[in-house]
């Protein structure tokens, strides 16, 4: 059993527990459930935004603790102020040290699109994401069937949420493309063993239809790579560890964004 299998197994248990604690009706009565989500496309393509989806992540299964001192409020505020097009917030508890409350705090602190970064395996989580103030949900092709992707994406769109579909190879891309998806993310990290290879994005760029926003995820640590990815057709760049591993993630994204402009 690889890391991804272990995460999904635990996530199944976690979702069942959540359903017993908070009903769908209670989620629908949440403070943020009635708000209109921000448009990922609008922010991603805005001239005053840099295309970065900056991530708040405390730890990971492969690296252990990445940052246990920065708060979600200070980091997400700094990300937004630095021009991030969206902010990814890890809400997985056991493997990434996140919590649903992190999303609530980020929502209170920022006015940019928020991605609920988690392993979505149940419609309950999508309704929960809306209730927590998310604007975007992540659907990972490696753990979902085409039918699940279609069902989850339709539900998300009915709630006004944006959908980011994550793929790792051509087979996942070809079987998972769905008209209810807004963006397709190419994860340069193999979720089976957590190794990374930026070439994955370049290999899949031309295979993604022009209708979708294109996002390169993980293994982006050099501003020069951004220009190469843009030339390959990518609109967005999900970056987390590169900022979070520093003592000041806000300063790190400002420096990175400044170097993006100058290179």
C-alpha atoms as a PDB file:
ATOM      1  CA  UNK A   1       0.000   0.000   0.000  1.00  0.00           C
ATOM      2  CA  UNK A   2       1.544   3.332  -1.074  1.00  0.00           C
ATOM      3  CA  UNK A   3       1.128   6.702   0.651  1.00  0.00           C
ATOM      4  CA  UNK A   4      -1.835   7.717  -1.503  1.00  0.00           C
ATOM      5  CA  UNK A   5      -3.680   4.480  -0.685  1.00  0.00           C
ATOM      6  CA  UNK A   6      -3.124   5.087   3.023  1.00  0.00           C
ATOM      7  CA  UNK A   7      -4.402   8.655   2.758  1.00  0.00           C
ATOM      8  CA  UNK A   8      -7.582   7.603   0.938  1.00  0.00           C
ATOM      9  CA  UNK A   9      -8.249   4.814   3.433  1.00  0.00           C
ATOM     10  CA  UNK A  10      -7.951   7.229   6.336  1.00  0.00           C
ATOM     11  CA  UNK A  11      -9.968   9.874   4.492  1.00  0.00           C
ATOM     12  CA  UNK A  12     -12.877   7.459   4.105  1.00  0.00           C
ATOM     13  CA  UNK A  13     -12.962   6.999   7.879  1.00  0.00           C
ATOM     14  CA  UNK A  14     -12.599  10.727   8.473  1.00  0.00           C
ATOM     15  CA  UNK A  15     -15.527  11.627   6.212  1.00  0.00           C
ATOM     16  CA  UNK A  16     -17.804   9.085   7.864  1.00  0.00           C
ATOM     17  CA  UNK A  17     -16.955  10.572  11.250  1.00  0.00           C
ATOM     18  CA  UNK A  18     -17.626  14.099   9.981  1.00  0.00           C
ATOM     19  CA  UNK A  19     -21.058  13.107   8.685  1.00  0.00           C
ATOM     20  CA  UNK A  20     -22.026  11.921  12.167  1.00  0.00           C
ATOM     21  CA  UNK A  21     -20.885  15.161  13.765  1.00  0.00           C
ATOM     22  CA  UNK A  22     -22.268  17.730  11.289  1.00  0.00           C
ATOM     23  CA  UNK A  23     -25.228  17.142   8.973  1.00  0.00           C
ATOM     24  CA  UNK A  24     -25.568  18.443   5.417  1.00  0.00           C
ATOM     25  CA  UNK A  25     -28.344  20.719   6.657  1.00  0.00           C
ATOM     26  CA  UNK A  26     -26.024  22.210   9.261  1.00  0.00           C
ATOM     27  CA  UNK A  27     -23.371  22.778   6.595  1.00  0.00           C
ATOM     28  CA  UNK A  28     -25.925  24.552   4.427  1.00  0.00           C
ATOM     29  CA  UNK A  29     -26.643  26.892   7.331  1.00  0.00           C
ATOM     30  CA  UNK A  30     -22.975  27.830   7.640  1.00  0.00           C
ATOM     31  CA  UNK A  31     -21.945  31.487   7.551  1.00  0.00           C
ATOM     32  CA  UNK A  32     -20.228  31.236   4.153  1.00  0.00           C
ATOM     33  CA  UNK A  33     -22.572  28.825   2.408  1.00  0.00           C
ATOM     34  CA  UNK A  34     -24.653  31.558   0.770  1.00  0.00           C
ATOM     35  CA  UNK A  35     -21.703  33.663  -0.457  1.00  0.00           C
ATOM     36  CA  UNK A  36     -20.900  33.777  -4.166  1.00  0.00           C
ATOM     37  CA  UNK A  37     -17.475  32.202  -4.791  1.00  0.00           C
ATOM     38  CA  UNK A  38     -14.788  34.163  -6.598  1.00  0.00           C
ATOM     39  CA  UNK A  39     -13.980  33.217 -10.201  1.00  0.00           C
ATOM     40  CA  UNK A  40     -10.679  31.383 -10.565  1.00  0.00           C
ATOM     41  CA  UNK A  41     -10.431  32.341 -14.233  1.00  0.00           C
ATOM     42  CA  UNK A  42     -10.978  36.019 -13.467  1.00  0.00           C
ATOM     43  CA  UNK A  43      -8.235  36.118 -10.839  1.00  0.00           C
ATOM     44  CA  UNK A  44      -5.888  33.813 -12.754  1.00  0.00           C
ATOM     45  CA  UNK A  45      -5.934  36.004 -15.855  1.00  0.00           C
ATOM     46  CA  UNK A  46      -6.069  39.388 -14.090  1.00  0.00           C
ATOM     47  CA  UNK A  47      -3.245  41.778 -15.009  1.00  0.00           C
ATOM     48  CA  UNK A  48      -2.620  42.683 -11.367  1.00  0.00           C
ATOM     49  CA  UNK A  49      -2.201  39.038 -10.308  1.00  0.00           C
ATOM     50  CA  UNK A  50       0.817  36.802 -10.901  1.00  0.00           C
ATOM     51  CA  UNK A  51      -0.772  33.431 -11.649  1.00  0.00           C
ATOM     52  CA  UNK A  52       0.591  31.825  -8.500  1.00  0.00           C
ATOM     53  CA  UNK A  53      -1.633  29.583  -6.395  1.00  0.00           C
ATOM     54  CA  UNK A  54       0.295  29.949  -3.148  1.00  0.00           C
ATOM     55  CA  UNK A  55      -0.116  27.144  -0.649  1.00  0.00           C
ATOM     56  CA  UNK A  56      -0.363  27.091   3.119  1.00  0.00           C
ATOM     57  CA  UNK A  57       1.033  23.728   4.214  1.00  0.00           C
ATOM     58  CA  UNK A  58       2.438  22.776   7.618  1.00  0.00           C
ATOM     59  CA  UNK A  59       3.872  19.368   6.782  1.00  0.00           C
ATOM     60  CA  UNK A  60       3.803  16.532   4.267  1.00  0.00           C
ATOM     61  CA  UNK A  61       4.197  12.737   4.381  1.00  0.00           C
ATOM     62  CA  UNK A  62       7.496  12.932   2.493  1.00  0.00           C
ATOM     63  CA  UNK A  63       9.155  15.940   4.186  1.00  0.00           C
ATOM     64  CA  UNK A  64       7.643  15.871   7.660  1.00  0.00           C
ATOM     65  CA  UNK A  65       7.292  19.288   9.325  1.00  0.00           C
ATOM     66  CA  UNK A  66       7.759  22.120   6.818  1.00  0.00           C
ATOM     67  CA  UNK A  67       6.592  25.080   8.872  1.00  0.00           C
ATOM     68  CA  UNK A  68       5.087  24.892  12.355  1.00  0.00           C
ATOM     69  CA  UNK A  69       5.455  28.537  13.352  1.00  0.00           C
ATOM     70  CA  UNK A  70       3.672  30.659  10.705  1.00  0.00           C
ATOM     71  CA  UNK A  71      -0.067  31.198  11.162  1.00  0.00           C
ATOM     72  CA  UNK A  72      -2.617  30.706   8.427  1.00  0.00           C
ATOM     73  CA  UNK A  73      -3.875  34.281   8.833  1.00  0.00           C
ATOM     74  CA  UNK A  74      -0.498  35.983   8.439  1.00  0.00           C
ATOM     75  CA  UNK A  75       0.622  33.753   5.583  1.00  0.00           C
ATOM     76  CA  UNK A  76      -2.572  33.940   3.526  1.00  0.00           C
ATOM     77  CA  UNK A  77      -2.796  37.718   4.002  1.00  0.00           C
ATOM     78  CA  UNK A  78       0.782  38.076   2.788  1.00  0.00           C
ATOM     79  CA  UNK A  79       0.151  35.772  -0.166  1.00  0.00           C
ATOM     80  CA  UNK A  80      -2.854  37.838  -1.247  1.00  0.00           C
ATOM     81  CA  UNK A  81      -0.971  41.124  -0.797  1.00  0.00           C
ATOM     82  CA  UNK A  82       1.891  39.779  -2.933  1.00  0.00           C
ATOM     83  CA  UNK A  83      -0.461  39.267  -5.884  1.00  0.00           C
ATOM     84  CA  UNK A  84      -1.277  35.560  -5.652  1.00  0.00           C
ATOM     85  CA  UNK A  85      -4.118  34.622  -7.996  1.00  0.00           C
ATOM     86  CA  UNK A  86      -5.436  32.087  -5.483  1.00  0.00           C
ATOM     87  CA  UNK A  87      -4.446  30.459  -2.213  1.00  0.00           C
ATOM     88  CA  UNK A  88      -4.412  26.732  -1.533  1.00  0.00           C
ATOM     89  CA  UNK A  89      -5.168  25.680   2.041  1.00  0.00           C
ATOM     90  CA  UNK A  90      -4.446  22.112   3.143  1.00  0.00           C
ATOM     91  CA  UNK A  91      -7.320  20.821   5.262  1.00  0.00           C
ATOM     92  CA  UNK A  92      -6.115  17.230   5.661  1.00  0.00           C
ATOM     93  CA  UNK A  93      -5.408  16.614   9.335  1.00  0.00           C
ATOM     94  CA  UNK A  94      -3.495  13.353   9.686  1.00  0.00           C
ATOM     95  CA  UNK A  95      -0.998  13.553   6.836  1.00  0.00           C
ATOM     96  CA  UNK A  96      -0.536  17.297   6.232  1.00  0.00           C
ATOM     97  CA  UNK A  97      -1.239  18.838   9.632  1.00  0.00           C
ATOM     98  CA  UNK A  98      -4.102  20.944   8.320  1.00  0.00           C
ATOM     99  CA  UNK A  99      -7.637  21.464   9.568  1.00  0.00           C
ATOM    100  CA  UNK A 100     -10.963  22.698   8.129  1.00  0.00           C
ATOM    101  CA  UNK A 101     -10.699  25.657  10.503  1.00  0.00           C
ATOM    102  CA  UNK A 102      -7.626  26.802   8.557  1.00  0.00           C
ATOM    103  CA  UNK A 103      -9.907  27.460   5.596  1.00  0.00           C
ATOM    104  CA  UNK A 104     -12.319  29.444   7.757  1.00  0.00           C
ATOM    105  CA  UNK A 105      -9.482  31.607   9.057  1.00  0.00           C
ATOM    106  CA  UNK A 106      -8.089  32.154   5.568  1.00  0.00           C
ATOM    107  CA  UNK A 107     -11.535  33.157   4.321  1.00  0.00           C
ATOM    108  CA  UNK A 108     -11.871  35.762   7.050  1.00  0.00           C
ATOM    109  CA  UNK A 109      -8.422  37.146   6.245  1.00  0.00           C
ATOM    110  CA  UNK A 110      -8.415  37.335   2.427  1.00  0.00           C
ATOM    111  CA  UNK A 111     -10.418  38.384  -0.608  1.00  0.00           C
ATOM    112  CA  UNK A 112      -8.918  36.092  -3.236  1.00  0.00           C
ATOM    113  CA  UNK A 113     -10.056  32.629  -4.374  1.00  0.00           C
ATOM    114  CA  UNK A 114      -9.355  29.851  -1.882  1.00  0.00           C
ATOM    115  CA  UNK A 115      -8.705  26.269  -2.921  1.00  0.00           C
ATOM    116  CA  UNK A 116      -9.676  23.575  -0.470  1.00  0.00           C
ATOM    117  CA  UNK A 117      -6.678  21.271  -0.881  1.00  0.00           C
ATOM    118  CA  UNK A 118      -7.757  17.850   0.277  1.00  0.00           C
ATOM    119  CA  UNK A 119      -8.500  14.362  -0.966  1.00  0.00           C
ATOM    120  CA  UNK A 120     -12.104  14.616  -2.126  1.00  0.00           C
ATOM    121  CA  UNK A 121     -13.816  11.240  -2.179  1.00  0.00           C
ATOM    122  CA  UNK A 122     -17.384  12.096  -1.142  1.00  0.00           C
ATOM    123  CA  UNK A 123     -20.019  14.681  -2.068  1.00  0.00           C
ATOM    124  CA  UNK A 124     -20.199  15.636   1.606  1.00  0.00           C
ATOM    125  CA  UNK A 125     -16.733  17.203   1.360  1.00  0.00           C
ATOM    126  CA  UNK A 126     -17.848  19.443  -1.507  1.00  0.00           C
ATOM    127  CA  UNK A 127     -20.788  20.822   0.451  1.00  0.00           C
ATOM    128  CA  UNK A 128     -18.446  21.199   3.419  1.00  0.00           C
ATOM    129  CA  UNK A 129     -15.975  23.142   1.250  1.00  0.00           C
ATOM    130  CA  UNK A 130     -18.687  25.622   0.280  1.00  0.00           C
ATOM    131  CA  UNK A 131     -19.666  26.005   3.932  1.00  0.00           C
ATOM    132  CA  UNK A 132     -16.052  26.692   4.904  1.00  0.00           C
ATOM    133  CA  UNK A 133     -15.751  29.537   2.406  1.00  0.00           C
ATOM    134  CA  UNK A 134     -13.842  27.778  -0.368  1.00  0.00           C
ATOM    135  CA  UNK A 135     -14.050  28.989  -3.961  1.00  0.00           C
ATOM    136  CA  UNK A 136     -12.301  26.024  -5.588  1.00  0.00           C
ATOM    137  CA  UNK A 137     -12.231  22.291  -4.959  1.00  0.00           C
ATOM    138  CA  UNK A 138      -9.564  19.842  -6.037  1.00  0.00           C
ATOM    139  CA  UNK A 139     -10.459  16.567  -7.750  1.00  0.00           C
ATOM    140  CA  UNK A 140      -7.555  14.121  -8.016  1.00  0.00           C
ATOM    141  CA  UNK A 141      -7.910  11.803 -11.012  1.00  0.00           C
ATOM    142  CA  UNK A 142      -5.648   9.183  -9.436  1.00  0.00           C
ATOM    143  CA  UNK A 143      -8.219   8.423  -6.722  1.00  0.00           C
ATOM    144  CA  UNK A 144     -11.476   8.973  -8.634  1.00  0.00           C
ATOM    145  CA  UNK A 145     -13.331   7.254 -11.457  1.00  0.00           C
ATOM    146  CA  UNK A 146     -14.583   9.260 -14.459  1.00  0.00           C
ATOM    147  CA  UNK A 147     -18.125   8.859 -13.055  1.00  0.00           C
ATOM    148  CA  UNK A 148     -17.077  10.261  -9.681  1.00  0.00           C
ATOM    149  CA  UNK A 149     -15.317  13.186 -11.349  1.00  0.00           C
ATOM    150  CA  UNK A 150     -18.443  13.958 -13.353  1.00  0.00           C
ATOM    151  CA  UNK A 151     -20.726  13.679 -10.302  1.00  0.00           C
ATOM    152  CA  UNK A 152     -18.486  15.738  -8.034  1.00  0.00           C
ATOM    153  CA  UNK A 153     -17.787  18.408 -10.670  1.00  0.00           C
ATOM    154  CA  UNK A 154     -21.497  18.809 -11.432  1.00  0.00           C
ATOM    155  CA  UNK A 155     -22.303  19.228  -7.754  1.00  0.00           C
ATOM    156  CA  UNK A 156     -19.501  21.756  -7.338  1.00  0.00           C
ATOM    157  CA  UNK A 157     -20.689  23.803 -10.301  1.00  0.00           C
ATOM    158  CA  UNK A 158     -24.261  23.744  -8.977  1.00  0.00           C
ATOM    159  CA  UNK A 159     -22.894  25.351  -5.794  1.00  0.00           C
ATOM    160  CA  UNK A 160     -20.957  27.966  -7.758  1.00  0.00           C
ATOM    161  CA  UNK A 161     -17.575  26.433  -6.955  1.00  0.00           C
ATOM    162  CA  UNK A 162     -14.640  26.287  -9.359  1.00  0.00           C
ATOM    163  CA  UNK A 163     -13.147  22.865 -10.097  1.00  0.00           C
ATOM    164  CA  UNK A 164      -9.435  22.100 -10.442  1.00  0.00           C
ATOM    165  CA  UNK A 165      -8.844  18.610 -11.842  1.00  0.00           C
ATOM    166  CA  UNK A 166      -5.426  17.184 -11.011  1.00  0.00           C
ATOM    167  CA  UNK A 167      -3.709  14.657 -13.267  1.00  0.00           C
ATOM    168  CA  UNK A 168      -0.273  13.029 -13.225  1.00  0.00           C
ATOM    169  CA  UNK A 169      -0.024  11.412 -16.651  1.00  0.00           C
ATOM    170  CA  UNK A 170      -1.662  11.220 -20.076  1.00  0.00           C
ATOM    171  CA  UNK A 171      -3.889   8.270 -19.188  1.00  0.00           C
ATOM    172  CA  UNK A 172      -5.429  10.151 -16.256  1.00  0.00           C
ATOM    173  CA  UNK A 173      -5.899  13.247 -18.398  1.00  0.00           C
ATOM    174  CA  UNK A 174      -7.615  11.444 -21.261  1.00  0.00           C
ATOM    175  CA  UNK A 175     -10.059   9.523 -19.070  1.00  0.00           C
ATOM    176  CA  UNK A 176     -10.859  12.418 -16.751  1.00  0.00           C
ATOM    177  CA  UNK A 177     -11.472  15.523 -18.904  1.00  0.00           C
ATOM    178  CA  UNK A 178     -14.912  16.852 -18.065  1.00  0.00           C
ATOM    179  CA  UNK A 179     -16.841  19.935 -19.277  1.00  0.00           C
ATOM    180  CA  UNK A 180     -17.693  20.881 -15.680  1.00  0.00           C
ATOM    181  CA  UNK A 181     -14.008  21.373 -14.857  1.00  0.00           C
ATOM    182  CA  UNK A 182     -12.522  24.886 -14.945  1.00  0.00           C
ATOM    183  CA  UNK A 183      -8.818  24.129 -14.748  1.00  0.00           C
ATOM    184  CA  UNK A 184      -6.556  21.145 -15.234  1.00  0.00           C
ATOM    185  CA  UNK A 185      -3.571  20.887 -12.952  1.00  0.00           C
ATOM    186  CA  UNK A 186      -0.558  18.785 -13.842  1.00  0.00           C
ATOM    187  CA  UNK A 187       0.996  17.564 -10.613  1.00  0.00           C
ATOM    188  CA  UNK A 188       4.730  17.144 -11.062  1.00  0.00           C
ATOM    189  CA  UNK A 189       4.748  15.092  -7.849  1.00  0.00           C
ATOM    190  CA  UNK A 190       4.085  11.366  -8.064  1.00  0.00           C
ATOM    191  CA  UNK A 191       1.557  10.772  -5.277  1.00  0.00           C
ATOM    192  CA  UNK A 192       2.575   7.142  -5.038  1.00  0.00           C
ATOM    193  CA  UNK A 193       6.135   7.807  -3.884  1.00  0.00           C
ATOM    194  CA  UNK A 194       6.199  11.650  -3.725  1.00  0.00           C
ATOM    195  CA  UNK A 195       9.112  12.042  -6.149  1.00  0.00           C
ATOM    196  CA  UNK A 196       8.942  15.155  -8.386  1.00  0.00           C
ATOM    197  CA  UNK A 197       9.721  15.912 -12.015  1.00  0.00           C
ATOM    198  CA  UNK A 198       8.845  19.267 -13.637  1.00  0.00           C
ATOM    199  CA  UNK A 199       9.076  17.618 -17.074  1.00  0.00           C
ATOM    200  CA  UNK A 200       5.639  16.114 -16.422  1.00  0.00           C
ATOM    201  CA  UNK A 201       4.054  19.540 -17.026  1.00  0.00           C
ATOM    202  CA  UNK A 202       5.919  20.120 -20.276  1.00  0.00           C
ATOM    203  CA  UNK A 203       4.992  16.635 -21.524  1.00  0.00           C
ATOM    204  CA  UNK A 204       1.261  17.125 -20.866  1.00  0.00           C
ATOM    205  CA  UNK A 205       0.873  20.829 -21.760  1.00  0.00           C
ATOM    206  CA  UNK A 206      -0.010  20.279 -25.406  1.00  0.00           C
ATOM    207  CA  UNK A 207      -2.471  17.517 -24.524  1.00  0.00           C
ATOM    208  CA  UNK A 208      -4.716  19.788 -22.438  1.00  0.00           C
ATOM    209  CA  UNK A 209      -7.531  21.371 -24.510  1.00  0.00           C
ATOM    210  CA  UNK A 210      -7.440  25.168 -24.764  1.00  0.00           C
ATOM    211  CA  UNK A 211     -10.878  25.439 -23.080  1.00  0.00           C
ATOM    212  CA  UNK A 212      -9.300  24.814 -19.684  1.00  0.00           C
ATOM    213  CA  UNK A 213      -6.991  26.903 -17.548  1.00  0.00           C
ATOM    214  CA  UNK A 214      -3.668  25.083 -17.265  1.00  0.00           C
ATOM    215  CA  UNK A 215      -1.946  24.862 -13.891  1.00  0.00           C
ATOM    216  CA  UNK A 216       1.465  23.371 -13.133  1.00  0.00           C
ATOM    217  CA  UNK A 217       1.707  22.014  -9.593  1.00  0.00           C
ATOM    218  CA  UNK A 218       4.704  21.249  -7.355  1.00  0.00           C
ATOM    219  CA  UNK A 219       8.475  21.228  -7.974  1.00  0.00           C
ATOM    220  CA  UNK A 220       8.491  24.929  -8.934  1.00  0.00           C
ATOM    221  CA  UNK A 221      11.342  26.656  -7.116  1.00  0.00           C
ATOM    222  CA  UNK A 222      12.955  28.821  -9.824  1.00  0.00           C
ATOM    223  CA  UNK A 223      11.225  31.933 -11.254  1.00  0.00           C
ATOM    224  CA  UNK A 224      12.856  31.166 -14.610  1.00  0.00           C
ATOM    225  CA  UNK A 225      10.753  28.005 -14.841  1.00  0.00           C
ATOM    226  CA  UNK A 226       7.598  30.158 -14.732  1.00  0.00           C
ATOM    227  CA  UNK A 227       8.476  31.805 -18.040  1.00  0.00           C
ATOM    228  CA  UNK A 228       9.115  28.407 -19.611  1.00  0.00           C
ATOM    229  CA  UNK A 229       5.806  27.099 -18.309  1.00  0.00           C
ATOM    230  CA  UNK A 230       4.007  30.183 -19.609  1.00  0.00           C
ATOM    231  CA  UNK A 231       5.539  29.575 -23.032  1.00  0.00           C
ATOM    232  CA  UNK A 232       4.204  26.018 -22.842  1.00  0.00           C
ATOM    233  CA  UNK A 233       0.695  27.386 -22.252  1.00  0.00           C
ATOM    234  CA  UNK A 234       0.316  27.334 -18.482  1.00  0.00           C
ATOM    235  CA  UNK A 235      -1.728  30.063 -16.774  1.00  0.00           C
ATOM    236  CA  UNK A 236      -1.217  29.085 -13.152  1.00  0.00           C
ATOM    237  CA  UNK A 237       1.515  27.746 -10.886  1.00  0.00           C
ATOM    238  CA  UNK A 238       0.779  26.048  -7.573  1.00  0.00           C
ATOM    239  CA  UNK A 239       3.684  26.684  -5.204  1.00  0.00           C
ATOM    240  CA  UNK A 240       3.736  25.808  -1.531  1.00  0.00           C
ATOM    241  CA  UNK A 241       6.795  24.179  -0.077  1.00  0.00           C
ATOM    242  CA  UNK A 242       9.152  26.703  -1.701  1.00  0.00           C
ATOM    243  CA  UNK A 243       7.533  29.497   0.341  1.00  0.00           C
ATOM    244  CA  UNK A 244       6.491  27.584   3.438  1.00  0.00           C
ATOM    245  CA  UNK A 245       9.952  26.148   4.136  1.00  0.00           C
ATOM    246  CA  UNK A 246      11.245  29.663   4.826  1.00  0.00           C
ATOM    247  CA  UNK A 247      10.961  31.591   8.084  1.00  0.00           C
ATOM    248  CA  UNK A 248       8.779  34.195   6.326  1.00  0.00           C
ATOM    249  CA  UNK A 249       6.569  32.773   3.539  1.00  0.00           C
ATOM    250  CA  UNK A 250       5.175  36.241   2.775  1.00  0.00           C
ATOM    251  CA  UNK A 251       8.645  37.650   2.110  1.00  0.00           C
ATOM    252  CA  UNK A 252       9.498  34.555   0.060  1.00  0.00           C
ATOM    253  CA  UNK A 253       6.569  34.998  -2.324  1.00  0.00           C
ATOM    254  CA  UNK A 254       7.302  38.709  -2.713  1.00  0.00           C
ATOM    255  CA  UNK A 255      10.899  37.969  -3.666  1.00  0.00           C
ATOM    256  CA  UNK A 256       9.861  35.157  -6.007  1.00  0.00           C
ATOM    257  CA  UNK A 257       7.197  37.298  -7.708  1.00  0.00           C
ATOM    258  CA  UNK A 258       9.692  40.140  -8.159  1.00  0.00           C
ATOM    259  CA  UNK A 259      12.168  37.764  -9.818  1.00  0.00           C
ATOM    260  CA  UNK A 260       9.385  36.455 -12.092  1.00  0.00           C
ATOM    261  CA  UNK A 261       8.984  39.961 -13.480  1.00  0.00           C
ATOM    262  CA  UNK A 262      12.698  40.619 -13.880  1.00  0.00           C
ATOM    263  CA  UNK A 263      13.796  37.387 -15.562  1.00  0.00           C
END
